[in-house]
């Protein structure tokens, strides 16, 4: 499986991996399910830093992973590295 390289793809993958519906995640982090859906579809890219932190924490990933910042690194990750980076 190819590692998703965009925020919207990673948000969707991480949410599905933990088994949450959009509305459930939204309630956990103080957003609406509609907003989570818009973020996953790429209809909006606006999310506050604090909301991003809450989403990452709820999904068990880092904000850098969600934002696909690791895709910008010069060093390529090892092939055996986990698909979702653990939240520190």
Protein backbone atom coordinates (compact mmCIF):
# COMPACT_ATOMS: atom_id res chain seq x y z
CA UNK A 1 0.00 0.00 0.00
CA UNK A 2 1.31 3.42 -0.94
CA UNK A 3 1.66 5.93 1.88
CA UNK A 4 -0.75 8.84 1.35
CA UNK A 5 1.05 12.09 0.67
CA UNK A 6 -1.60 14.73 1.33
CA UNK A 7 -3.26 15.99 4.50
CA UNK A 8 -6.72 14.99 3.31
CA UNK A 9 -5.63 11.44 2.42
CA UNK A 10 -3.78 11.00 5.70
CA UNK A 11 -6.65 12.38 7.76
CA UNK A 12 -9.05 9.93 6.12
CA UNK A 13 -6.67 6.98 6.55
CA UNK A 14 -5.91 7.74 10.19
CA UNK A 15 -9.59 8.25 11.05
CA UNK A 16 -10.56 4.96 9.43
CA UNK A 17 -7.68 3.14 11.12
CA UNK A 18 -8.99 4.09 14.57
CA UNK A 19 -12.55 3.29 13.54
CA UNK A 20 -14.14 6.70 14.02
CA UNK A 21 -16.92 8.26 11.98
CA UNK A 22 -16.46 11.88 10.89
CA UNK A 23 -19.05 13.07 13.42
CA UNK A 24 -17.38 11.12 16.25
CA UNK A 25 -13.97 12.59 15.51
CA UNK A 26 -15.51 16.04 15.21
CA UNK A 27 -17.15 15.76 18.64
CA UNK A 28 -13.88 14.56 20.19
CA UNK A 29 -11.91 17.52 18.88
CA UNK A 30 -14.45 20.33 18.95
CA UNK A 31 -15.24 20.41 15.22
CA UNK A 32 -18.31 19.30 13.32
CA UNK A 33 -18.49 16.10 11.32
CA UNK A 34 -19.20 18.33 8.33
CA UNK A 35 -15.87 20.10 8.85
CA UNK A 36 -14.01 16.79 9.11
CA UNK A 37 -15.66 15.71 5.85
CA UNK A 38 -14.70 18.94 4.12
CA UNK A 39 -11.09 18.49 5.28
CA UNK A 40 -11.03 14.91 4.01
CA UNK A 41 -12.44 15.89 0.62
CA UNK A 42 -10.06 18.82 0.29
CA UNK A 43 -12.98 21.27 0.12
CA UNK A 44 -11.19 23.31 2.78
CA UNK A 45 -7.66 23.39 4.08
CA UNK A 46 -8.33 25.77 6.92
CA UNK A 47 -7.79 24.30 10.36
CA UNK A 48 -6.34 26.04 13.38
CA UNK A 49 -3.09 24.80 14.84
CA UNK A 50 -4.85 23.89 18.07
CA UNK A 51 -7.56 21.94 16.23
CA UNK A 52 -4.88 20.18 14.21
CA UNK A 53 -3.14 19.17 17.45
CA UNK A 54 -6.40 17.82 18.88
CA UNK A 55 -7.11 15.84 15.70
CA UNK A 56 -3.60 14.35 15.66
CA UNK A 57 -3.85 13.42 19.35
CA UNK A 58 -7.27 11.81 18.86
CA UNK A 59 -5.97 9.78 15.89
CA UNK A 60 -2.70 8.78 17.55
CA UNK A 61 -0.47 10.41 14.94
CA UNK A 62 1.77 13.46 14.85
CA UNK A 63 0.83 16.79 13.31
CA UNK A 64 3.85 16.48 11.01
CA UNK A 65 2.57 13.13 9.75
CA UNK A 66 -0.92 14.51 9.16
CA UNK A 67 0.47 17.49 7.28
CA UNK A 68 2.62 15.13 5.20
CA UNK A 69 5.71 16.99 6.35
CA UNK A 70 7.65 13.73 6.33
CA UNK A 71 7.15 13.61 2.56
CA UNK A 72 9.27 16.75 2.34
CA UNK A 73 12.22 15.24 4.18
CA UNK A 74 15.30 14.49 2.12
CA UNK A 75 15.87 11.16 3.85
CA UNK A 76 13.38 8.61 2.63
CA UNK A 77 11.77 6.52 5.36
CA UNK A 78 12.70 2.89 5.70
CA UNK A 79 10.36 0.57 3.87
CA UNK A 80 9.67 -1.31 7.09
CA UNK A 81 8.63 1.85 8.94
CA UNK A 82 5.06 1.85 10.25
CA UNK A 83 2.47 3.50 8.02
CA UNK A 84 1.22 5.71 10.85
CA UNK A 85 3.79 7.47 12.96
CA UNK A 86 3.03 7.09 16.68
CA UNK A 87 1.96 10.21 18.54
CA UNK A 88 4.72 11.37 20.89
